[in-house]
N, C-alpha and C. Protein backbone atom coordinates (compact mmCIF):
# COMPACT_ATOMS: atom_id res chain seq x y z
N MET A 1 -31.27 99.88 -32.74
CA MET A 1 -31.99 101.11 -32.45
C MET A 1 -33.35 100.76 -31.86
N PRO A 2 -33.77 101.40 -30.75
CA PRO A 2 -35.07 101.12 -30.17
C PRO A 2 -36.18 101.40 -31.17
N LYS A 3 -37.25 100.59 -31.12
CA LYS A 3 -38.33 100.71 -32.09
C LYS A 3 -38.99 102.08 -32.03
N ASN A 4 -39.16 102.64 -30.79
CA ASN A 4 -39.83 103.94 -30.70
C ASN A 4 -39.02 105.03 -31.37
N ALA A 5 -37.67 104.91 -31.34
CA ALA A 5 -36.82 105.88 -32.03
C ALA A 5 -37.00 105.77 -33.54
N ARG A 6 -37.14 104.54 -34.05
CA ARG A 6 -37.34 104.34 -35.49
C ARG A 6 -38.67 104.93 -35.92
N LEU A 7 -39.72 104.74 -35.10
CA LEU A 7 -41.03 105.26 -35.45
C LEU A 7 -41.04 106.78 -35.42
N ASN A 8 -40.35 107.38 -34.43
CA ASN A 8 -40.26 108.84 -34.39
C ASN A 8 -39.54 109.37 -35.62
N GLY A 9 -38.46 108.66 -36.01
CA GLY A 9 -37.75 109.05 -37.22
C GLY A 9 -38.62 108.97 -38.45
N TRP A 10 -39.48 107.95 -38.48
CA TRP A 10 -40.42 107.79 -39.59
C TRP A 10 -41.32 109.02 -39.69
N LEU A 11 -41.84 109.50 -38.57
CA LEU A 11 -42.70 110.69 -38.58
C LEU A 11 -41.96 111.87 -39.18
N ASP A 12 -40.69 112.01 -38.85
CA ASP A 12 -39.90 113.12 -39.38
C ASP A 12 -39.75 113.05 -40.90
N GLU A 13 -39.79 111.84 -41.45
CA GLU A 13 -39.58 111.67 -42.89
C GLU A 13 -40.84 111.91 -43.70
N ILE A 14 -41.98 112.05 -43.06
CA ILE A 14 -43.24 112.30 -43.78
C ILE A 14 -43.32 113.79 -44.10
N ASP A 15 -43.27 114.11 -45.38
CA ASP A 15 -43.27 115.50 -45.85
C ASP A 15 -44.70 115.93 -46.16
N LEU A 16 -45.12 117.03 -45.56
CA LEU A 16 -46.47 117.53 -45.77
C LEU A 16 -46.48 118.81 -46.61
N GLU A 17 -45.56 118.91 -47.55
CA GLU A 17 -45.50 120.10 -48.40
C GLU A 17 -46.77 120.27 -49.24
N PHE A 18 -47.48 119.17 -49.44
CA PHE A 18 -48.70 119.25 -50.25
C PHE A 18 -49.82 120.00 -49.54
N VAL A 19 -49.68 120.22 -48.23
CA VAL A 19 -50.74 120.85 -47.45
C VAL A 19 -50.75 122.35 -47.71
N GLU A 20 -51.90 122.88 -48.06
CA GLU A 20 -52.05 124.32 -48.22
C GLU A 20 -52.85 124.89 -47.05
N ARG A 21 -54.09 124.48 -46.96
CA ARG A 21 -54.90 124.89 -45.82
C ARG A 21 -55.56 123.64 -45.24
N GLU A 22 -55.15 123.28 -44.05
CA GLU A 22 -55.67 122.08 -43.41
C GLU A 22 -55.79 122.35 -41.92
N ALA A 23 -57.00 122.16 -41.40
CA ALA A 23 -57.26 122.47 -40.00
C ALA A 23 -56.66 121.43 -39.06
N THR A 24 -56.36 120.25 -39.57
CA THR A 24 -55.80 119.18 -38.74
C THR A 24 -54.36 119.49 -38.36
N PRO A 25 -53.99 119.39 -37.09
CA PRO A 25 -52.58 119.57 -36.71
C PRO A 25 -51.68 118.63 -37.50
N ARG A 26 -50.54 119.11 -37.94
CA ARG A 26 -49.66 118.33 -38.81
C ARG A 26 -49.18 117.05 -38.13
N LEU A 27 -48.95 117.11 -36.83
CA LEU A 27 -48.49 115.92 -36.14
C LEU A 27 -49.55 114.82 -36.22
N LEU A 28 -50.83 115.18 -36.12
CA LEU A 28 -51.90 114.19 -36.22
C LEU A 28 -52.03 113.67 -37.65
N MET A 29 -51.78 114.53 -38.63
CA MET A 29 -51.79 114.07 -40.02
C MET A 29 -50.70 113.03 -40.24
N LYS A 30 -49.49 113.32 -39.73
CA LYS A 30 -48.38 112.38 -39.87
C LYS A 30 -48.68 111.09 -39.13
N LEU A 31 -49.26 111.20 -37.95
CA LEU A 31 -49.60 110.00 -37.18
C LEU A 31 -50.63 109.16 -37.92
N SER A 32 -51.61 109.80 -38.55
CA SER A 32 -52.64 109.07 -39.30
C SER A 32 -52.02 108.32 -40.47
N ILE A 33 -51.13 108.98 -41.20
CA ILE A 33 -50.45 108.33 -42.32
C ILE A 33 -49.65 107.14 -41.83
N GLN A 34 -48.93 107.33 -40.73
CA GLN A 34 -48.10 106.26 -40.18
C GLN A 34 -48.95 105.08 -39.73
N LEU A 35 -50.02 105.35 -39.02
CA LEU A 35 -50.87 104.26 -38.51
C LEU A 35 -51.48 103.45 -39.65
N HIS A 36 -51.96 104.15 -40.68
CA HIS A 36 -52.58 103.44 -41.79
C HIS A 36 -51.58 102.57 -42.53
N LEU A 37 -50.40 103.13 -42.83
CA LEU A 37 -49.40 102.37 -43.57
C LEU A 37 -48.82 101.24 -42.73
N ALA A 38 -48.88 101.37 -41.41
CA ALA A 38 -48.40 100.31 -40.53
C ALA A 38 -49.39 99.16 -40.42
N GLY A 39 -50.62 99.36 -40.94
CA GLY A 39 -51.57 98.25 -40.96
C GLY A 39 -52.94 98.55 -40.41
N LEU A 40 -53.17 99.76 -39.92
CA LEU A 40 -54.48 100.08 -39.34
C LEU A 40 -55.46 100.46 -40.45
N LEU A 41 -56.66 99.92 -40.37
CA LEU A 41 -57.69 100.29 -41.33
C LEU A 41 -57.95 101.79 -41.27
N ILE A 42 -58.33 102.38 -42.40
CA ILE A 42 -58.59 103.82 -42.41
C ILE A 42 -59.74 104.17 -41.47
N SER A 43 -60.75 103.32 -41.40
CA SER A 43 -61.86 103.59 -40.48
C SER A 43 -61.38 103.64 -39.04
N ASN A 44 -60.42 102.76 -38.69
CA ASN A 44 -59.87 102.79 -37.34
C ASN A 44 -58.94 103.98 -37.13
N THR A 45 -58.25 104.38 -38.19
CA THR A 45 -57.39 105.57 -38.11
C THR A 45 -58.24 106.81 -37.84
N VAL A 46 -59.39 106.89 -38.50
CA VAL A 46 -60.32 108.00 -38.26
C VAL A 46 -60.77 108.00 -36.81
N SER A 47 -60.99 106.81 -36.25
CA SER A 47 -61.40 106.71 -34.85
C SER A 47 -60.32 107.23 -33.90
N VAL A 48 -59.04 106.99 -34.26
CA VAL A 48 -57.93 107.50 -33.46
C VAL A 48 -57.95 109.03 -33.47
N LEU A 49 -58.20 109.62 -34.63
CA LEU A 49 -58.28 111.07 -34.70
C LEU A 49 -59.39 111.61 -33.81
N GLU A 50 -60.49 110.90 -33.72
CA GLU A 50 -61.61 111.35 -32.90
C GLU A 50 -61.25 111.39 -31.43
N VAL A 51 -60.29 110.58 -31.02
CA VAL A 51 -59.81 110.63 -29.63
C VAL A 51 -59.23 112.00 -29.33
N PHE A 52 -58.64 112.64 -30.36
CA PHE A 52 -58.06 113.98 -30.21
C PHE A 52 -59.07 115.07 -30.61
N SER A 53 -60.35 114.69 -30.67
CA SER A 53 -61.44 115.62 -31.01
C SER A 53 -61.30 116.18 -32.42
N VAL A 54 -60.73 115.37 -33.32
CA VAL A 54 -60.60 115.75 -34.72
C VAL A 54 -61.43 114.77 -35.55
N LYS A 55 -62.40 115.30 -36.29
CA LYS A 55 -63.27 114.46 -37.11
C LYS A 55 -62.91 114.67 -38.58
N ARG A 56 -62.51 113.58 -39.22
CA ARG A 56 -62.17 113.63 -40.64
C ARG A 56 -62.77 112.42 -41.35
N ALA A 57 -63.13 112.63 -42.62
CA ALA A 57 -63.68 111.53 -43.42
C ALA A 57 -62.57 110.56 -43.80
N ARG A 58 -62.95 109.32 -44.06
CA ARG A 58 -61.96 108.32 -44.48
C ARG A 58 -61.26 108.75 -45.77
N PHE A 59 -62.03 109.36 -46.67
CA PHE A 59 -61.45 109.80 -47.94
C PHE A 59 -60.34 110.83 -47.71
N THR A 60 -60.51 111.67 -46.69
CA THR A 60 -59.50 112.69 -46.38
C THR A 60 -58.19 112.04 -45.95
N VAL A 61 -58.27 111.05 -45.07
CA VAL A 61 -57.07 110.35 -44.62
C VAL A 61 -56.44 109.61 -45.79
N HIS A 62 -57.26 109.00 -46.60
CA HIS A 62 -56.78 108.30 -47.80
C HIS A 62 -55.97 109.25 -48.68
N ASN A 63 -56.46 110.48 -48.87
CA ASN A 63 -55.75 111.46 -49.68
C ASN A 63 -54.43 111.88 -49.04
N TRP A 64 -54.41 112.01 -47.72
CA TRP A 64 -53.15 112.35 -47.05
C TRP A 64 -52.07 111.33 -47.38
N VAL A 65 -52.45 110.06 -47.32
CA VAL A 65 -51.49 108.98 -47.56
C VAL A 65 -50.90 109.09 -48.97
N HIS A 66 -51.75 109.33 -49.95
CA HIS A 66 -51.28 109.35 -51.34
C HIS A 66 -50.53 110.63 -51.67
N LYS A 67 -50.98 111.75 -51.13
CA LYS A 67 -50.33 113.01 -51.44
C LYS A 67 -48.97 113.15 -50.76
N ALA A 68 -48.74 112.40 -49.69
CA ALA A 68 -47.45 112.44 -49.02
C ALA A 68 -46.34 111.90 -49.90
N ASP A 69 -46.69 111.07 -50.89
CA ASP A 69 -45.75 110.57 -51.91
C ASP A 69 -44.52 109.93 -51.27
N LEU A 70 -44.75 109.02 -50.34
CA LEU A 70 -43.64 108.33 -49.66
C LEU A 70 -43.08 107.25 -50.57
N GLN A 71 -41.76 107.12 -50.58
CA GLN A 71 -41.09 106.12 -51.41
C GLN A 71 -39.91 105.54 -50.66
N PRO A 72 -39.59 104.29 -50.93
CA PRO A 72 -38.40 103.70 -50.29
C PRO A 72 -37.13 104.39 -50.75
N GLU A 73 -36.13 104.41 -49.89
CA GLU A 73 -34.86 105.05 -50.23
C GLU A 73 -34.18 104.33 -51.39
N SER A 74 -33.50 105.08 -52.21
CA SER A 74 -32.71 104.50 -53.28
C SER A 74 -31.25 104.42 -52.84
N GLY A 75 -30.40 103.93 -53.73
CA GLY A 75 -28.97 103.90 -53.42
C GLY A 75 -28.50 102.68 -52.66
N ARG A 76 -29.32 101.63 -52.60
CA ARG A 76 -28.89 100.40 -51.92
C ARG A 76 -27.90 99.63 -52.80
N CYS A 77 -27.10 98.78 -52.16
CA CYS A 77 -26.12 97.96 -52.88
C CYS A 77 -26.22 96.52 -52.36
N PRO A 78 -27.30 95.82 -52.70
CA PRO A 78 -27.53 94.48 -52.15
C PRO A 78 -26.63 93.41 -52.77
N ASP A 79 -26.35 92.37 -51.97
CA ASP A 79 -25.59 91.22 -52.49
C ASP A 79 -26.49 90.27 -53.26
N HIS A 80 -27.74 90.14 -52.80
CA HIS A 80 -28.71 89.26 -53.46
C HIS A 80 -30.02 90.04 -53.62
N ILE A 81 -30.77 89.70 -54.64
CA ILE A 81 -32.08 90.31 -54.86
C ILE A 81 -33.06 89.23 -55.27
N ALA A 82 -34.12 89.09 -54.49
CA ALA A 82 -35.19 88.15 -54.84
C ALA A 82 -36.22 88.89 -55.67
N VAL A 83 -36.51 88.40 -56.87
CA VAL A 83 -37.47 89.06 -57.76
C VAL A 83 -38.58 88.08 -58.13
N ASN A 84 -39.76 88.64 -58.29
CA ASN A 84 -40.89 87.79 -58.67
C ASN A 84 -42.03 88.68 -59.12
N GLU A 85 -43.05 88.05 -59.68
CA GLU A 85 -44.28 88.76 -60.02
C GLU A 85 -45.45 87.93 -59.56
N THR A 86 -46.56 88.61 -59.27
CA THR A 86 -47.76 87.92 -58.82
C THR A 86 -48.98 88.68 -59.30
N VAL A 87 -50.12 88.03 -59.33
CA VAL A 87 -51.37 88.65 -59.78
C VAL A 87 -52.08 89.28 -58.58
N ILE A 88 -52.51 90.52 -58.72
CA ILE A 88 -53.40 91.13 -57.76
C ILE A 88 -54.57 91.73 -58.54
N ARG A 89 -55.64 92.06 -57.83
CA ARG A 89 -56.81 92.59 -58.49
C ARG A 89 -56.99 94.05 -58.15
N LEU A 90 -57.30 94.82 -59.17
CA LEU A 90 -57.59 96.24 -59.03
C LEU A 90 -58.98 96.46 -59.62
N ASN A 91 -59.94 96.74 -58.73
CA ASN A 91 -61.34 96.72 -59.13
C ASN A 91 -61.67 95.34 -59.69
N ASP A 92 -62.17 95.26 -60.91
CA ASP A 92 -62.50 93.97 -61.51
C ASP A 92 -61.45 93.49 -62.50
N GLU A 93 -60.31 94.17 -62.52
CA GLU A 93 -59.27 93.85 -63.48
C GLU A 93 -58.09 93.16 -62.82
N GLN A 94 -57.38 92.37 -63.60
CA GLN A 94 -56.20 91.65 -63.13
C GLN A 94 -54.94 92.41 -63.52
N TYR A 95 -54.08 92.63 -62.55
CA TYR A 95 -52.80 93.29 -62.80
C TYR A 95 -51.66 92.42 -62.28
N TRP A 96 -50.48 92.68 -62.79
CA TRP A 96 -49.29 91.96 -62.35
C TRP A 96 -48.41 92.88 -61.53
N LEU A 97 -48.11 92.42 -60.33
CA LEU A 97 -47.24 93.17 -59.43
C LEU A 97 -45.83 92.57 -59.46
N TYR A 98 -44.86 93.39 -59.86
CA TYR A 98 -43.45 93.00 -59.81
C TYR A 98 -42.85 93.54 -58.52
N ALA A 99 -41.97 92.77 -57.90
CA ALA A 99 -41.31 93.22 -56.67
C ALA A 99 -39.89 92.69 -56.61
N ALA A 100 -39.02 93.50 -56.03
CA ALA A 100 -37.63 93.11 -55.78
C ALA A 100 -37.33 93.36 -54.30
N VAL A 101 -36.79 92.34 -53.63
CA VAL A 101 -36.53 92.41 -52.19
C VAL A 101 -35.10 91.99 -51.91
N ASP A 102 -34.45 92.70 -50.99
CA ASP A 102 -33.14 92.29 -50.50
C ASP A 102 -33.36 91.23 -49.42
N PRO A 103 -33.06 89.97 -49.68
CA PRO A 103 -33.36 88.91 -48.69
C PRO A 103 -32.49 88.99 -47.44
N ASP A 104 -31.38 89.72 -47.51
CA ASP A 104 -30.51 89.85 -46.33
C ASP A 104 -31.09 90.82 -45.31
N THR A 105 -31.85 91.82 -45.79
CA THR A 105 -32.44 92.82 -44.89
C THR A 105 -33.97 92.79 -44.91
N ASN A 106 -34.56 92.08 -45.88
CA ASN A 106 -36.00 92.04 -46.12
C ASN A 106 -36.55 93.38 -46.62
N GLU A 107 -35.69 94.30 -47.02
CA GLU A 107 -36.15 95.58 -47.54
C GLU A 107 -36.72 95.44 -48.94
N LEU A 108 -37.82 96.13 -49.17
CA LEU A 108 -38.40 96.21 -50.52
C LEU A 108 -37.61 97.24 -51.31
N LEU A 109 -37.04 96.82 -52.41
CA LEU A 109 -36.21 97.71 -53.22
C LEU A 109 -37.01 98.43 -54.30
N HIS A 110 -37.99 97.73 -54.88
CA HIS A 110 -38.74 98.33 -55.98
C HIS A 110 -40.00 97.51 -56.24
N THR A 111 -41.08 98.21 -56.60
CA THR A 111 -42.32 97.56 -57.02
C THR A 111 -42.81 98.22 -58.30
N LYS A 112 -43.57 97.47 -59.07
CA LYS A 112 -44.15 98.00 -60.31
C LYS A 112 -45.41 97.24 -60.63
N LEU A 113 -46.45 97.97 -60.99
CA LEU A 113 -47.73 97.37 -61.34
C LEU A 113 -47.94 97.49 -62.84
N GLU A 114 -48.22 96.35 -63.48
CA GLU A 114 -48.41 96.33 -64.93
C GLU A 114 -49.71 95.60 -65.28
N PRO A 115 -50.33 95.95 -66.41
CA PRO A 115 -51.59 95.30 -66.79
C PRO A 115 -51.43 93.85 -67.23
N THR A 116 -50.20 93.46 -67.55
CA THR A 116 -49.93 92.07 -67.94
C THR A 116 -48.46 91.80 -67.71
N THR A 117 -48.02 90.59 -67.97
CA THR A 117 -46.60 90.26 -67.82
C THR A 117 -46.05 89.86 -69.19
N THR A 118 -45.01 90.56 -69.60
CA THR A 118 -44.35 90.28 -70.88
C THR A 118 -42.85 90.48 -70.68
N LYS A 119 -42.08 90.06 -71.66
CA LYS A 119 -40.64 90.27 -71.59
C LYS A 119 -40.30 91.75 -71.56
N VAL A 120 -41.10 92.55 -72.24
CA VAL A 120 -40.86 94.00 -72.27
C VAL A 120 -41.03 94.58 -70.87
N PHE A 121 -42.09 94.20 -70.16
CA PHE A 121 -42.33 94.71 -68.81
C PHE A 121 -41.28 94.17 -67.83
N ASP A 122 -40.87 92.91 -68.00
CA ASP A 122 -39.84 92.36 -67.13
C ASP A 122 -38.54 93.14 -67.29
N HIS A 123 -38.18 93.42 -68.53
CA HIS A 123 -36.97 94.18 -68.82
C HIS A 123 -37.08 95.60 -68.26
N SER A 124 -38.24 96.22 -68.41
CA SER A 124 -38.45 97.58 -67.92
C SER A 124 -38.35 97.63 -66.40
N PHE A 125 -38.89 96.60 -65.73
CA PHE A 125 -38.83 96.54 -64.27
C PHE A 125 -37.38 96.49 -63.79
N LEU A 126 -36.56 95.65 -64.40
CA LEU A 126 -35.16 95.55 -64.00
C LEU A 126 -34.39 96.82 -64.35
N THR A 127 -34.77 97.49 -65.43
CA THR A 127 -34.13 98.76 -65.78
C THR A 127 -34.38 99.79 -64.69
N GLU A 128 -35.64 99.92 -64.25
CA GLU A 128 -35.98 100.87 -63.19
C GLU A 128 -35.26 100.51 -61.89
N LEU A 129 -35.20 99.21 -61.59
CA LEU A 129 -34.51 98.76 -60.38
C LEU A 129 -33.04 99.17 -60.42
N SER A 130 -32.39 98.97 -61.56
CA SER A 130 -30.96 99.29 -61.68
C SER A 130 -30.70 100.79 -61.66
N GLU A 131 -31.72 101.59 -62.01
CA GLU A 131 -31.58 103.05 -61.94
C GLU A 131 -31.67 103.54 -60.50
N LYS A 132 -32.36 102.79 -59.65
CA LYS A 132 -32.53 103.19 -58.25
C LYS A 132 -31.43 102.67 -57.34
N HIS A 133 -30.89 101.51 -57.67
CA HIS A 133 -29.93 100.86 -56.78
C HIS A 133 -28.74 100.34 -57.58
N ASP A 134 -27.63 100.13 -56.88
CA ASP A 134 -26.44 99.53 -57.49
C ASP A 134 -26.60 98.01 -57.44
N VAL A 135 -27.02 97.44 -58.53
CA VAL A 135 -27.31 96.00 -58.56
C VAL A 135 -26.35 95.25 -59.48
N SER A 136 -25.30 95.92 -59.92
CA SER A 136 -24.41 95.31 -60.92
C SER A 136 -23.71 94.06 -60.41
N ASP A 137 -23.44 93.99 -59.09
CA ASP A 137 -22.74 92.83 -58.54
C ASP A 137 -23.67 91.90 -57.77
N ALA A 138 -24.95 92.18 -57.81
CA ALA A 138 -25.91 91.36 -57.06
C ALA A 138 -26.23 90.06 -57.80
N VAL A 139 -26.56 89.04 -57.03
CA VAL A 139 -27.06 87.79 -57.60
C VAL A 139 -28.59 87.81 -57.51
N PHE A 140 -29.26 87.71 -58.63
CA PHE A 140 -30.72 87.73 -58.68
C PHE A 140 -31.24 86.32 -58.44
N LEU A 141 -32.19 86.21 -57.52
CA LEU A 141 -32.81 84.93 -57.20
C LEU A 141 -34.15 84.87 -57.90
N VAL A 142 -34.28 83.97 -58.86
CA VAL A 142 -35.46 83.90 -59.72
C VAL A 142 -36.04 82.51 -59.65
N ASP A 143 -37.38 82.42 -59.70
CA ASP A 143 -38.01 81.09 -59.72
C ASP A 143 -38.11 80.63 -61.17
N GLY A 144 -39.18 79.96 -61.52
CA GLY A 144 -39.28 79.39 -62.86
C GLY A 144 -39.70 80.36 -63.94
N SER A 145 -39.75 81.68 -63.65
CA SER A 145 -40.17 82.66 -64.65
C SER A 145 -39.10 82.83 -65.72
N TYR A 146 -39.36 82.29 -66.91
CA TYR A 146 -38.39 82.39 -67.99
C TYR A 146 -38.23 83.83 -68.48
N SER A 147 -39.31 84.62 -68.40
CA SER A 147 -39.20 86.01 -68.86
C SER A 147 -38.31 86.82 -67.94
N LEU A 148 -38.36 86.58 -66.61
CA LEU A 148 -37.46 87.27 -65.69
C LEU A 148 -36.03 86.80 -65.88
N GLN A 149 -35.85 85.50 -66.11
CA GLN A 149 -34.51 84.99 -66.39
C GLN A 149 -33.95 85.62 -67.66
N ASP A 150 -34.81 85.73 -68.67
CA ASP A 150 -34.39 86.34 -69.93
C ASP A 150 -34.01 87.81 -69.73
N ALA A 151 -34.80 88.51 -68.90
CA ALA A 151 -34.51 89.92 -68.64
C ALA A 151 -33.17 90.07 -67.91
N CYS A 152 -32.89 89.16 -66.97
CA CYS A 152 -31.59 89.19 -66.27
C CYS A 152 -30.45 88.98 -67.26
N GLN A 153 -30.64 88.03 -68.18
CA GLN A 153 -29.60 87.78 -69.19
C GLN A 153 -29.37 88.99 -70.07
N ARG A 154 -30.44 89.65 -70.49
CA ARG A 154 -30.32 90.81 -71.37
C ARG A 154 -29.62 91.97 -70.67
N HIS A 155 -29.79 92.05 -69.34
CA HIS A 155 -29.12 93.10 -68.57
C HIS A 155 -27.70 92.69 -68.18
N GLY A 156 -27.36 91.45 -68.38
CA GLY A 156 -26.04 90.97 -67.98
C GLY A 156 -25.92 90.73 -66.49
N PHE A 157 -27.07 90.50 -65.81
CA PHE A 157 -27.05 90.26 -64.37
C PHE A 157 -26.79 88.78 -64.07
N ASP A 158 -26.07 88.54 -63.00
CA ASP A 158 -25.88 87.18 -62.51
C ASP A 158 -27.16 86.73 -61.82
N PHE A 159 -27.65 85.55 -62.17
CA PHE A 159 -28.88 85.08 -61.54
C PHE A 159 -28.81 83.57 -61.35
N ARG A 160 -29.64 83.09 -60.44
CA ARG A 160 -29.74 81.65 -60.25
C ARG A 160 -31.18 81.30 -59.89
N TYR A 161 -31.53 80.09 -60.28
CA TYR A 161 -32.86 79.58 -59.96
C TYR A 161 -32.91 79.19 -58.49
N GLU A 162 -33.92 79.69 -57.79
CA GLU A 162 -34.12 79.33 -56.39
C GLU A 162 -35.61 79.39 -56.09
N LYS A 163 -36.16 78.28 -55.69
CA LYS A 163 -37.59 78.21 -55.45
C LYS A 163 -37.96 78.57 -54.02
N HIS A 164 -37.09 78.24 -53.07
CA HIS A 164 -37.39 78.53 -51.67
C HIS A 164 -36.22 79.34 -51.08
N GLY A 165 -35.80 79.03 -49.87
CA GLY A 165 -34.64 79.70 -49.28
C GLY A 165 -34.81 81.20 -49.22
N ASN A 166 -33.83 81.95 -49.73
CA ASN A 166 -33.86 83.41 -49.67
C ASN A 166 -35.00 84.03 -50.45
N ARG A 167 -35.56 83.29 -51.41
CA ARG A 167 -36.68 83.84 -52.18
C ARG A 167 -37.94 83.99 -51.33
N ASN A 168 -37.97 83.36 -50.15
CA ASN A 168 -39.13 83.51 -49.28
C ASN A 168 -39.36 84.96 -48.87
N ALA A 169 -38.30 85.78 -48.95
CA ALA A 169 -38.43 87.19 -48.58
C ALA A 169 -39.47 87.90 -49.45
N VAL A 170 -39.42 87.68 -50.75
CA VAL A 170 -40.37 88.34 -51.64
C VAL A 170 -41.76 87.73 -51.49
N GLU A 171 -41.85 86.45 -51.18
CA GLU A 171 -43.16 85.83 -50.98
C GLU A 171 -43.84 86.40 -49.74
N ARG A 172 -43.07 86.71 -48.68
CA ARG A 172 -43.65 87.32 -47.49
C ARG A 172 -44.23 88.69 -47.81
N VAL A 173 -43.52 89.43 -48.66
CA VAL A 173 -44.02 90.74 -49.07
C VAL A 173 -45.33 90.59 -49.83
N PHE A 174 -45.39 89.66 -50.76
CA PHE A 174 -46.61 89.45 -51.54
C PHE A 174 -47.79 89.07 -50.63
N ARG A 175 -47.53 88.21 -49.65
CA ARG A 175 -48.62 87.81 -48.73
C ARG A 175 -49.16 89.02 -47.98
N GLU A 176 -48.25 89.88 -47.53
CA GLU A 176 -48.69 91.06 -46.77
C GLU A 176 -49.44 92.04 -47.66
N ILE A 177 -48.96 92.26 -48.89
CA ILE A 177 -49.65 93.17 -49.80
C ILE A 177 -51.06 92.65 -50.09
N LYS A 178 -51.19 91.35 -50.34
CA LYS A 178 -52.51 90.80 -50.63
C LYS A 178 -53.43 90.86 -49.42
N ARG A 179 -52.85 90.67 -48.23
CA ARG A 179 -53.67 90.80 -47.02
C ARG A 179 -54.16 92.22 -46.86
N ARG A 180 -53.26 93.18 -47.13
CA ARG A 180 -53.63 94.57 -46.94
C ARG A 180 -54.64 95.03 -48.00
N THR A 181 -54.45 94.66 -49.25
CA THR A 181 -55.39 95.09 -50.28
C THR A 181 -56.76 94.47 -50.06
N PHE A 182 -56.80 93.27 -49.47
CA PHE A 182 -58.08 92.66 -49.14
C PHE A 182 -58.75 93.43 -48.01
N CYS A 183 -57.97 93.77 -46.97
CA CYS A 183 -58.52 94.49 -45.83
C CYS A 183 -58.97 95.89 -46.21
N PHE A 184 -58.23 96.53 -47.14
CA PHE A 184 -58.52 97.91 -47.49
C PHE A 184 -59.35 98.02 -48.76
N SER A 185 -60.12 96.99 -49.06
CA SER A 185 -60.85 96.99 -50.33
C SER A 185 -61.80 98.18 -50.44
N ASN A 186 -62.25 98.71 -49.28
CA ASN A 186 -63.13 99.86 -49.36
C ASN A 186 -62.40 101.10 -49.88
N CYS A 187 -61.06 101.07 -49.86
CA CYS A 187 -60.28 102.21 -50.36
C CYS A 187 -59.55 101.86 -51.66
N PHE A 188 -59.10 100.61 -51.78
CA PHE A 188 -58.29 100.22 -52.92
C PHE A 188 -59.15 99.99 -54.16
N SER A 189 -60.42 99.64 -53.97
CA SER A 189 -61.30 99.53 -55.12
C SER A 189 -61.64 100.92 -55.62
N ASN A 190 -62.12 100.99 -56.85
CA ASN A 190 -62.43 102.27 -57.50
C ASN A 190 -61.20 103.17 -57.62
N ALA A 191 -60.03 102.56 -57.65
CA ALA A 191 -58.78 103.32 -57.82
C ALA A 191 -58.17 102.95 -59.16
N ASP A 192 -57.53 103.92 -59.80
CA ASP A 192 -56.86 103.60 -61.05
C ASP A 192 -55.48 103.02 -60.76
N ALA A 193 -54.83 102.55 -61.82
CA ALA A 193 -53.54 101.88 -61.64
C ALA A 193 -52.48 102.82 -61.07
N GLU A 194 -52.53 104.09 -61.44
CA GLU A 194 -51.54 105.05 -60.93
C GLU A 194 -51.68 105.22 -59.42
N THR A 195 -52.92 105.30 -58.94
CA THR A 195 -53.15 105.43 -57.50
C THR A 195 -52.69 104.18 -56.77
N ALA A 196 -52.95 103.01 -57.36
CA ALA A 196 -52.49 101.76 -56.75
C ALA A 196 -50.97 101.70 -56.70
N ASP A 197 -50.32 102.18 -57.76
CA ASP A 197 -48.85 102.23 -57.79
C ASP A 197 -48.33 103.15 -56.69
N ASP A 198 -49.00 104.29 -56.47
CA ASP A 198 -48.62 105.20 -55.40
C ASP A 198 -48.72 104.51 -54.04
N TRP A 199 -49.82 103.78 -53.85
CA TRP A 199 -50.01 103.08 -52.58
C TRP A 199 -48.92 102.04 -52.36
N LEU A 200 -48.53 101.34 -53.42
CA LEU A 200 -47.49 100.32 -53.31
C LEU A 200 -46.15 100.94 -52.92
N ARG A 201 -45.84 102.11 -53.46
CA ARG A 201 -44.60 102.78 -53.07
C ARG A 201 -44.65 103.23 -51.61
N SER A 202 -45.82 103.74 -51.19
CA SER A 202 -45.98 104.12 -49.79
C SER A 202 -45.86 102.90 -48.88
N PHE A 203 -46.47 101.79 -49.32
CA PHE A 203 -46.36 100.54 -48.56
C PHE A 203 -44.90 100.11 -48.44
N SER A 204 -44.15 100.24 -49.54
CA SER A 204 -42.74 99.86 -49.53
C SER A 204 -41.96 100.68 -48.51
N PHE A 205 -42.24 101.98 -48.49
CA PHE A 205 -41.59 102.86 -47.51
C PHE A 205 -41.89 102.40 -46.10
N ALA A 206 -43.17 102.13 -45.81
CA ALA A 206 -43.57 101.70 -44.47
C ALA A 206 -42.98 100.35 -44.11
N TRP A 207 -43.02 99.42 -45.06
CA TRP A 207 -42.46 98.09 -44.82
C TRP A 207 -40.99 98.18 -44.40
N ASN A 208 -40.23 99.01 -45.10
CA ASN A 208 -38.81 99.15 -44.79
C ASN A 208 -38.56 99.80 -43.44
N GLN A 209 -39.50 100.61 -42.99
CA GLN A 209 -39.36 101.25 -41.69
C GLN A 209 -39.66 100.28 -40.54
N LEU A 210 -40.50 99.30 -40.82
CA LEU A 210 -41.00 98.43 -39.75
C LEU A 210 -40.26 97.12 -39.61
N ILE A 211 -39.52 96.70 -40.63
CA ILE A 211 -38.85 95.39 -40.56
C ILE A 211 -37.69 95.44 -39.58
C-alpha cells in the first residue's frame, strides 16, 4: 500500500468525539495529532498550524493528542512475541516500561508503565496482553529476566531465551521511546503516570501506522 494512502487512513482513524467547541478546523487538529505522534516536536507542530493562520498554544496541541485516546488495534495472533522491560524517567521518578512486540511485523502489541518491576506486575502485564491478543500459540522471546520467564510459566506460555535476533524488535521500540521522551521533555515532564501511559498507547498506535 502506498505510504500516502496509509497516512490518509491514519487521519480517518483519529476520532475527535471529545471536541465540543473548538475553533480549529478538525482536519488541522487531526493533522497536528498525526505530525506530533510521527515525531514532530509540539513547538514545530504549532508552527505548522501557523502556516494555516491558526495560532494555538503547545498545551492545546498536547491536550488534543491525549484526548484523542488512540490505541493500537487488538485481536492480533502473532507467532512470536518479544517482551522486555526497561527503565524510563517520569519527572524525577523512575518507572518501568513493559512492552510486547511482534518481531515478524515490528508492531507494538501492548505497553504498560509501572512504578517498579515485580513478579506481580510481570504477570499482570502478560494477562493484559493475552486479553488483547490471541497469544496462546505464540512463542515468547525473553532475555535474562527471571520474573518474565516465571510469568510465562505461570500463564502456560511457550517461551525461549533469546538475547539478540528477533528480540531486537523490542529494543528498537525502547530506543525510539527514549529518544522521543527526551525530545519532548517540555511536555512529558510534570505529567502523572496515567498521562504518560496514555502517551505510550498513542505512540504505539502511531508506531504501528508508520512501520
